[in-house]
PDB file of N, CA and C in Angstrom:
ATOM      1  N   MET A   1      84.575  80.744  85.257  1.00  0.00           N
ATOM      2  CA  MET A   1      85.958  80.270  84.811  1.00  0.00           C
ATOM      3  C   MET A   1      87.016  79.600  85.381  1.00  0.00           C
ATOM      4  N   GLY A   2      87.576  79.098  84.770  1.00  0.00           N
ATOM      5  CA  GLY A   2      88.447  77.677  85.468  1.00  0.00           C
ATOM      6  C   GLY A   2      89.964  78.479  85.604  1.00  0.00           C
ATOM      7  N   ARG A   3      90.800  78.142  85.993  1.00  0.00           N
ATOM      8  CA  ARG A   3      92.085  78.203  86.682  1.00  0.00           C
ATOM      9  C   ARG A   3      93.009  78.690  84.980  1.00  0.00           C
ATOM     10  N   THR A   4      93.824  79.482  85.375  1.00  0.00           N
ATOM     11  CA  THR A   4      94.629  79.476  84.271  1.00  0.00           C
ATOM     12  C   THR A   4      95.664  79.133  84.811  1.00  0.00           C
ATOM     13  N   VAL A   5      96.190  79.116  85.968  1.00  0.00           N
ATOM     14  CA  VAL A   5      97.814  78.357  86.589  1.00  0.00           C
ATOM     15  C   VAL A   5      97.542  77.061  86.760  1.00  0.00           C
ATOM     16  N   PRO A   6      97.861  76.657  87.110  1.00  0.00           N
ATOM     17  CA  PRO A   6      97.922  74.592  88.041  1.00  0.00           C
ATOM     18  C   PRO A   6      98.112  75.290  89.033  1.00  0.00           C
ATOM     19  N   THR A   7      97.333  74.568  90.006  1.00  0.00           N
ATOM     20  CA  THR A   7      97.695  74.920  91.363  1.00  0.00           C
ATOM     21  C   THR A   7      98.596  74.933  91.864  1.00  0.00           C
ATOM     22  N   TRP A   8      99.543  75.026  93.258  1.00  0.00           N
ATOM     23  CA  TRP A   8     100.651  74.618  93.864  1.00  0.00           C
ATOM     24  C   TRP A   8     100.844  73.130  93.997  1.00  0.00           C
ATOM     25  N   ARG A   9     100.204  72.929  95.097  1.00  0.00           N
ATOM     26  CA  ARG A   9      99.942  70.917  94.585  1.00  0.00           C
ATOM     27  C   ARG A   9     100.085  70.618  93.437  1.00  0.00           C
ATOM     28  N   ASN A  10      99.792  70.970  92.420  1.00  0.00           N
ATOM     29  CA  ASN A  10      99.620  70.247  90.870  1.00  0.00           C
ATOM     30  C   ASN A  10     100.936  70.436  90.337  1.00  0.00           C
ATOM     31  N   ARG A  11     101.325  71.568  90.445  1.00  0.00           N
ATOM     32  CA  ARG A  11     102.887  71.962  89.999  1.00  0.00           C
ATOM     33  C   ARG A  11     103.920  71.105  90.861  1.00  0.00           C
ATOM     34  N   ILE A  12     103.867  71.061  91.949  1.00  0.00           N
ATOM     35  CA  ILE A  12     104.729  70.522  92.860  1.00  0.00           C
ATOM     36  C   ILE A  12     104.735  68.755  92.401  1.00  0.00           C
ATOM     37  N   GLU A  13     103.468  68.403  92.302  1.00  0.00           N
ATOM     38  CA  GLU A  13     103.548  66.905  92.213  1.00  0.00           C
ATOM     39  C   GLU A  13     103.670  66.497  91.078  1.00  0.00           C
ATOM     40  N   SER A  14     103.811  67.530  89.597  1.00  0.00           N
ATOM     41  CA  SER A  14     104.299  67.124  88.539  1.00  0.00           C
ATOM     42  C   SER A  14     105.743  67.493  88.732  1.00  0.00           C
ATOM     43  N   GLU A  15     106.260  68.064  89.179  1.00  0.00           N
ATOM     44  CA  GLU A  15     107.794  68.547  88.948  1.00  0.00           C
ATOM     45  C   GLU A  15     108.302  67.141  89.942  1.00  0.00           C
ATOM     46  N   MET A  16     108.080  66.881  91.112  1.00  0.00           N
ATOM     47  CA  MET A  16     108.044  65.482  91.174  1.00  0.00           C
ATOM     48  C   MET A  16     108.013  64.086  90.574  1.00  0.00           C
ATOM     49  N   ALA A  17     107.033  63.836  90.056  1.00  0.00           N
ATOM     50  CA  ALA A  17     106.855  62.948  89.378  1.00  0.00           C
ATOM     51  C   ALA A  17     107.774  63.051  88.042  1.00  0.00           C
ATOM     52  N   SER A  18     108.122  64.108  87.830  1.00  0.00           N
ATOM     53  CA  SER A  18     109.296  63.970  86.356  1.00  0.00           C
ATOM     54  C   SER A  18     110.843  63.907  86.892  1.00  0.00           C
ATOM     55  N   LEU A  19     111.067  63.595  88.778  1.00  0.00           N
ATOM     56  CA  LEU A  19     112.089  63.177  88.677  1.00  0.00           C
ATOM     57  C   LEU A  19     112.294  61.778  89.272  1.00  0.00           C
ATOM     58  N   GLU A  20     111.399  60.891  88.789  1.00  0.00           N
ATOM     59  CA  GLU A  20     111.275  59.675  88.887  1.00  0.00           C
ATOM     60  C   GLU A  20     112.096  58.941  88.661  1.00  0.00           C
ATOM     61  N   PRO A  21     112.816  58.992  87.530  1.00  0.00           N
ATOM     62  CA  PRO A  21     114.001  58.167  86.585  1.00  0.00           C
ATOM     63  C   PRO A  21     115.185  58.619  87.436  1.00  0.00           C
ATOM     64  N   PHE A  22     115.363  59.894  88.085  1.00  0.00           N
ATOM     65  CA  PHE A  22     116.324  60.359  88.618  1.00  0.00           C
ATOM     66  C   PHE A  22     116.150  59.597  90.364  1.00  0.00           C
ATOM     67  N   ARG A  23     115.194  59.230  90.707  1.00  0.00           N
ATOM     68  CA  ARG A  23     114.846  58.519  92.045  1.00  0.00           C
ATOM     69  C   ARG A  23     115.183  56.878  91.631  1.00  0.00           C
ATOM     70  N   ARG A  24     114.711  56.369  90.405  1.00  0.00           N
ATOM     71  CA  ARG A  24     115.331  54.743  90.280  1.00  0.00           C
ATOM     72  C   ARG A  24     116.797  54.588  90.227  1.00  0.00           C
ATOM     73  N   ALA A  25     117.377  55.636  89.703  1.00  0.00           N
ATOM     74  CA  ALA A  25     119.117  55.323  89.690  1.00  0.00           C
ATOM     75  C   ALA A  25     119.509  55.622  90.748  1.00  0.00           C
ATOM     76  N   LEU A  26     118.927  56.106  92.278  1.00  0.00           N
ATOM     77  CA  LEU A  26     119.122  55.657  93.223  1.00  0.00           C
ATOM     78  C   LEU A  26     119.573  54.547  94.058  1.00  0.00           C
ATOM     79  N   ASN A  27     120.557  54.848  95.015  1.00  0.00           N
ATOM     80  CA  ASN A  27     120.393  53.192  95.733  1.00  0.00           C
ATOM     81  C   ASN A  27     119.346  53.124  96.768  1.00  0.00           C
ATOM     82  N   SER A  28     119.383  52.441  97.264  1.00  0.00           N
ATOM     83  CA  SER A  28     117.996  52.286  98.318  1.00  0.00           C
ATOM     84  C   SER A  28     117.968  52.774  99.512  1.00  0.00           C
ATOM     85  N   GLY A  29     118.973  53.439 100.229  1.00  0.00           N
ATOM     86  CA  GLY A  29     119.186  54.322 100.791  1.00  0.00           C
ATOM     87  C   GLY A  29     119.156  55.602 100.590  1.00  0.00           C
ATOM     88  N   ASP A  30     119.589  56.103  99.385  1.00  0.00           N
ATOM     89  CA  ASP A  30     119.410  57.174  99.259  1.00  0.00           C
ATOM     90  C   ASP A  30     117.996  57.648  98.346  1.00  0.00           C
ATOM     91  N   LYS A  31     117.136  56.405  98.041  1.00  0.00           N
ATOM     92  CA  LYS A  31     115.983  56.485  98.069  1.00  0.00           C
ATOM     93  C   LYS A  31     115.089  56.838  99.073  1.00  0.00           C
ATOM     94  N   ILE A  32     115.277  56.348 100.330  1.00  0.00           N
ATOM     95  CA  ILE A  32     114.518  56.804 101.369  1.00  0.00           C
ATOM     96  C   ILE A  32     115.049  58.213 101.503  1.00  0.00           C
ATOM     97  N   ALA A  33     116.139  58.406 101.995  1.00  0.00           N
ATOM     98  CA  ALA A  33     116.412  59.971 102.141  1.00  0.00           C
ATOM     99  C   ALA A  33     115.737  60.880 100.919  1.00  0.00           C
ATOM    100  N   PHE A  34     115.594  60.865  99.621  1.00  0.00           N
ATOM    101  CA  PHE A  34     114.992  61.394  98.604  1.00  0.00           C
ATOM    102  C   PHE A  34     113.466  61.677  98.444  1.00  0.00           C
ATOM    103  N   ASP A  35     112.711  60.172  98.991  1.00  0.00           N
ATOM    104  CA  ASP A  35     111.517  60.192  99.511  1.00  0.00           C
ATOM    105  C   ASP A  35     111.185  61.102 100.825  1.00  0.00           C
ATOM    106  N   GLU A  36     111.932  61.205 101.737  1.00  0.00           N
ATOM    107  CA  GLU A  36     111.842  61.890 102.956  1.00  0.00           C
ATOM    108  C   GLU A  36     111.880  63.512 102.912  1.00  0.00           C
ATOM    109  N   LEU A  37     112.949  64.142 101.838  1.00  0.00           N
ATOM    110  CA  LEU A  37     112.736  65.232 101.492  1.00  0.00           C
ATOM    111  C   LEU A  37     111.340  65.717 100.384  1.00  0.00           C
ATOM    112  N   LEU A  38     111.285  64.770  99.681  1.00  0.00           N
ATOM    113  CA  LEU A  38     109.850  65.246  98.964  1.00  0.00           C
ATOM    114  C   LEU A  38     108.557  65.095  99.966  1.00  0.00           C
ATOM    115  N   ASN A  39     108.646  64.573 100.896  1.00  0.00           N
ATOM    116  CA  ASN A  39     107.506  64.533 101.835  1.00  0.00           C
ATOM    117  C   ASN A  39     107.784  65.698 102.745  1.00  0.00           C
ATOM    118  N   GLY A  40     108.676  66.242 102.791  1.00  0.00           N
ATOM    119  CA  GLY A  40     109.084  67.714 103.632  1.00  0.00           C
ATOM    120  C   GLY A  40     108.291  68.689 102.878  1.00  0.00           C
ATOM    121  N   VAL A  41     108.372  68.425 101.281  1.00  0.00           N
ATOM    122  CA  VAL A  41     108.113  69.603 100.458  1.00  0.00           C
ATOM    123  C   VAL A  41     106.518  69.516 100.605  1.00  0.00           C
ATOM    124  N   ARG A  42     105.940  68.180 100.872  1.00  0.00           N
ATOM    125  CA  ARG A  42     104.484  68.169 100.646  1.00  0.00           C
ATOM    126  C   ARG A  42     104.162  68.425 102.064  1.00  0.00           C
ATOM    127  N   LYS A  43     104.313  68.483 103.088  1.00  0.00           N
ATOM    128  CA  LYS A  43     104.128  68.608 104.282  1.00  0.00           C
ATOM    129  C   LYS A  43     104.224  70.464 104.655  1.00  0.00           C
ATOM    130  N   ARG A  44     104.619  71.353 103.522  1.00  0.00           N
ATOM    131  CA  ARG A  44     104.478  72.631 103.460  1.00  0.00           C
ATOM    132  C   ARG A  44     104.252  73.003 102.138  1.00  0.00           C
ATOM    133  N   ARG A  45     103.143  72.046 101.505  1.00  0.00           N
ATOM    134  CA  ARG A  45     102.547  72.904 100.373  1.00  0.00           C
ATOM    135  C   ARG A  45     102.128  74.410 101.076  1.00  0.00           C
ATOM    136  N   THR A  46     101.315  74.516 102.134  1.00  0.00           N
ATOM    137  CA  THR A  46     100.834  75.845 102.105  1.00  0.00           C
ATOM    138  C   THR A  46     101.489  76.957 102.061  1.00  0.00           C
ATOM    139  N   ALA A  47     102.840  76.727 102.615  1.00  0.00           N
ATOM    140  CA  ALA A  47     104.477  77.777 102.625  1.00  0.00           C
ATOM    141  C   ALA A  47     104.039  77.979 101.501  1.00  0.00           C
ATOM    142  N   GLY A  48     104.512  77.272 100.571  1.00  0.00           N
ATOM    143  CA  GLY A  48     105.116  77.173  99.252  1.00  0.00           C
ATOM    144  C   GLY A  48     104.139  78.027  98.258  1.00  0.00           C
ATOM    145  N   GLY A  49     102.629  77.545  98.405  1.00  0.00           N
ATOM    146  CA  GLY A  49     101.616  78.422  97.752  1.00  0.00           C
ATOM    147  C   GLY A  49     101.346  79.324  97.810  1.00  0.00           C
ATOM    148  N   MET A  50     102.283  80.270  98.612  1.00  0.00           N
ATOM    149  CA  MET A  50     101.975  81.458  99.177  1.00  0.00           C
ATOM    150  C   MET A  50     103.093  82.371  99.165  1.00  0.00           C
ATOM    151  N   LEU A  51     104.327  81.758  98.292  1.00  0.00           N
ATOM    152  CA  LEU A  51     105.581  82.546  97.224  1.00  0.00           C
ATOM    153  C   LEU A  51     105.025  82.332  96.048  1.00  0.00           C
ATOM    154  N   PRO A  52     104.674  83.507  95.478  1.00  0.00           N
ATOM    155  CA  PRO A  52     104.264  83.543  93.985  1.00  0.00           C
ATOM    156  C   PRO A  52     105.504  83.526  93.139  1.00  0.00           C
ATOM    157  N   ALA A  53     105.646  82.494  92.960  1.00  0.00           N
ATOM    158  CA  ALA A  53     107.072  82.169  91.994  1.00  0.00           C
ATOM    159  C   ALA A  53     106.518  80.815  90.778  1.00  0.00           C
ATOM    160  N   HIS A  54     107.051  81.993  89.580  1.00  0.00           N
ATOM    161  CA  HIS A  54     106.805  81.017  88.261  1.00  0.00           C
ATOM    162  C   HIS A  54     107.586  79.500  88.572  1.00  0.00           C
ATOM    163  N   ASP A  55     108.635  79.444  88.806  1.00  0.00           N
ATOM    164  CA  ASP A  55     109.532  78.715  88.772  1.00  0.00           C
ATOM    165  C   ASP A  55     109.145  77.736  90.321  1.00  0.00           C
ATOM    166  N   ALA A  56     108.744  76.560  90.149  1.00  0.00           N
ATOM    167  CA  ALA A  56     108.171  75.705  91.632  1.00  0.00           C
ATOM    168  C   ALA A  56     109.424  74.896  92.441  1.00  0.00           C
ATOM    169  N   TRP A  57     110.453  75.008  91.307  1.00  0.00           N
ATOM    170  CA  TRP A  57     111.563  74.477  92.532  1.00  0.00           C
ATOM    171  C   TRP A  57     112.285  75.710  93.409  1.00  0.00           C
ATOM    172  N   LYS A  58     112.126  76.639  93.884  1.00  0.00           N
ATOM    173  CA  LYS A  58     112.450  77.767  94.933  1.00  0.00           C
ATOM    174  C   LYS A  58     111.808  77.519  95.977  1.00  0.00           C
ATOM    175  N   PRO A  59     110.343  77.222  95.830  1.00  0.00           N
ATOM    176  CA  PRO A  59     109.993  76.804  97.423  1.00  0.00           C
ATOM    177  C   PRO A  59     109.826  75.395  97.697  1.00  0.00           C
ATOM    178  N   MET A  60     110.316  74.477  96.600  1.00  0.00           N
ATOM    179  CA  MET A  60     110.607  73.421  96.778  1.00  0.00           C
ATOM    180  C   MET A  60     111.981  73.114  97.629  1.00  0.00           C
ATOM    181  N   LEU A  61     112.686  73.753  96.898  1.00  0.00           N
ATOM    182  CA  LEU A  61     113.994  73.646  97.938  1.00  0.00           C
ATOM    183  C   LEU A  61     114.552  74.008  98.897  1.00  0.00           C
ATOM    184  N   MET A  62     113.641  75.351  98.931  1.00  0.00           N
ATOM    185  CA  MET A  62     113.403  75.957 100.473  1.00  0.00           C
ATOM    186  C   MET A  62     112.720  74.815 101.423  1.00  0.00           C
ATOM    187  N   SER A  63     111.727  74.239 101.320  1.00  0.00           N
ATOM    188  CA  SER A  63     110.977  73.209 101.773  1.00  0.00           C
ATOM    189  C   SER A  63     112.156  72.453 102.000  1.00  0.00           C
ATOM    190  N   MET A  64     112.630  71.769 101.233  1.00  0.00           N
ATOM    191  CA  MET A  64     113.696  70.592 101.608  1.00  0.00           C
ATOM    192  C   MET A  64     114.841  70.843 102.323  1.00  0.00           C
ATOM    193  N   LEU A  65     114.945  72.447 102.443  1.00  0.00           N
ATOM    194  CA  LEU A  65     116.457  73.047 103.263  1.00  0.00           C
ATOM    195  C   LEU A  65     115.598  72.653 104.641  1.00  0.00           C
ATOM    196  N   ILE A  66     114.303  73.474 104.838  1.00  0.00           N
ATOM    197  CA  ILE A  66     113.628  73.253 106.330  1.00  0.00           C
ATOM    198  C   ILE A  66     113.359  71.652 106.747  1.00  0.00           C
ATOM    199  N   GLU A  67     113.215  70.804 105.781  1.00  0.00           N
ATOM    200  CA  GLU A  67     112.939  69.347 106.548  1.00  0.00           C
ATOM    201  C   GLU A  67     114.543  68.914 106.741  1.00  0.00           C
ATOM    202  N   CYS A  68     115.532  68.998 106.430  1.00  0.00           N
ATOM    203  CA  CYS A  68     116.923  68.891 106.334  1.00  0.00           C
ATOM    204  C   CYS A  68     117.213  69.543 107.936  1.00  0.00           C
ATOM    205  N   HIS A  69     116.972  71.161 108.305  1.00  0.00           N
ATOM    206  CA  HIS A  69     117.392  71.439 109.293  1.00  0.00           C
ATOM    207  C   HIS A  69     116.738  71.408 110.812  1.00  0.00           C
ATOM    208  N   SER A  70     115.152  70.710 110.569  1.00  0.00           N
ATOM    209  CA  SER A  70     114.455  70.196 111.055  1.00  0.00           C
ATOM    210  C   SER A  70     114.925  68.785 111.778  1.00  0.00           C
ATOM    211  N   ARG A  71     115.142  68.080 111.030  1.00  0.00           N
ATOM    212  CA  ARG A  71     115.723  66.788 111.202  1.00  0.00           C
ATOM    213  C   ARG A  71     117.086  67.059 112.063  1.00  0.00           C
ATOM    214  N   ILE A  72     117.742  67.799 111.606  1.00  0.00           N
ATOM    215  CA  ILE A  72     119.093  68.358 112.273  1.00  0.00           C
ATOM    216  C   ILE A  72     118.781  68.528 113.898  1.00  0.00           C
ATOM    217  N   ALA A  73     118.156  69.666 113.844  1.00  0.00           N
ATOM    218  CA  ALA A  73     117.489  70.338 115.123  1.00  0.00           C
ATOM    219  C   ALA A  73     117.148  69.067 116.177  1.00  0.00           C
ATOM    220  N   GLU A  74     116.437  68.022 115.279  1.00  0.00           N
ATOM    221  CA  GLU A  74     115.792  67.010 116.071  1.00  0.00           C
ATOM    222  C   GLU A  74     116.746  66.622 116.877  1.00  0.00           C
ATOM    223  N   LEU A  75     117.834  65.879 116.107  1.00  0.00           N
ATOM    224  CA  LEU A  75     119.366  65.168 116.178  1.00  0.00           C
ATOM    225  C   LEU A  75     119.948  65.849 117.315  1.00  0.00           C
ATOM    226  N   GLU A  76     119.832  67.029 117.276  1.00  0.00           N
ATOM    227  CA  GLU A  76     120.775  67.399 118.061  1.00  0.00           C
ATOM    228  C   GLU A  76     120.130  67.873 119.535  1.00  0.00           C
ATOM    229  N   GLN A  77     119.182  67.742 119.476  1.00  0.00           N
ATOM    230  CA  GLN A  77     118.139  67.691 120.868  1.00  0.00           C
ATOM    231  C   GLN A  77     118.087  66.660 121.713  1.00  0.00           C
ATOM    232  N   ARG A  78     118.039  65.328 120.475  1.00  0.00           N
ATOM    233  CA  ARG A  78     118.223  64.206 121.549  1.00  0.00           C
ATOM    234  C   ARG A  78     119.447  63.508 121.911  1.00  0.00           C
ATOM    235  N   ILE A  79     120.677  64.117 121.376  1.00  0.00           N
ATOM    236  CA  ILE A  79     122.192  63.899 121.587  1.00  0.00           C
ATOM    237  C   ILE A  79     121.915  65.156 122.982  1.00  0.00           C
ATOM    238  N   GLU A  80     121.841  66.241 123.318  1.00  0.00           N
ATOM    239  CA  GLU A  80     122.028  66.920 124.057  1.00  0.00           C
ATOM    240  C   GLU A  80     120.984  66.149 125.183  1.00  0.00           C
ATOM    241  N   SER A  81     120.021  65.351 125.017  1.00  0.00           N
ATOM    242  CA  SER A  81     119.406  65.120 126.121  1.00  0.00           C
ATOM    243  C   SER A  81     119.872  63.574 126.703  1.00  0.00           C
ATOM    244  N   LEU A  82     120.341  62.697 125.437  1.00  0.00           N
ATOM    245  CA  LEU A  82     121.529  61.899 126.277  1.00  0.00           C
ATOM    246  C   LEU A  82     122.695  62.141 126.715  1.00  0.00           C
ATOM    247  N   SER A  83     122.997  63.089 126.507  1.00  0.00           N
ATOM    248  CA  SER A  83     124.559  63.461 127.489  1.00  0.00           C
ATOM    249  C   SER A  83     123.760  64.466 128.397  1.00  0.00           C
ATOM    250  N   GLU A  84     122.950  64.665 128.681  1.00  0.00           N
ATOM    251  CA  GLU A  84     122.540  65.160 130.269  1.00  0.00           C
ATOM    252  C   GLU A  84     121.943  63.913 131.312  1.00  0.00           C
ATOM    253  N   ALA A  85     122.211  62.743 130.769  1.00  0.00           N
ATOM    254  CA  ALA A  85     121.421  62.139 131.008  1.00  0.00           C
ATOM    255  C   ALA A  85     122.392  60.918 132.283  1.00  0.00           C
TER     256      ALA A  85
END
């Protein structure tokens, strides 16, 4: 028997593809930031697939928030190491 529900990967890729008109309207710096957030979602596909959500946005937004937090933590660590030097 075939699947009745699209895979998590297919669902998020479809959602991200639907955002292309929004992406095109962004300036070049914002496009880079937006693409980095979407890549954060892709990096966390396994975790997103574990959340039984009918709405793909909840796990996508959580993945984006984690991506932002990870980058902030990395920058804080760099600043701390530079100030110790």
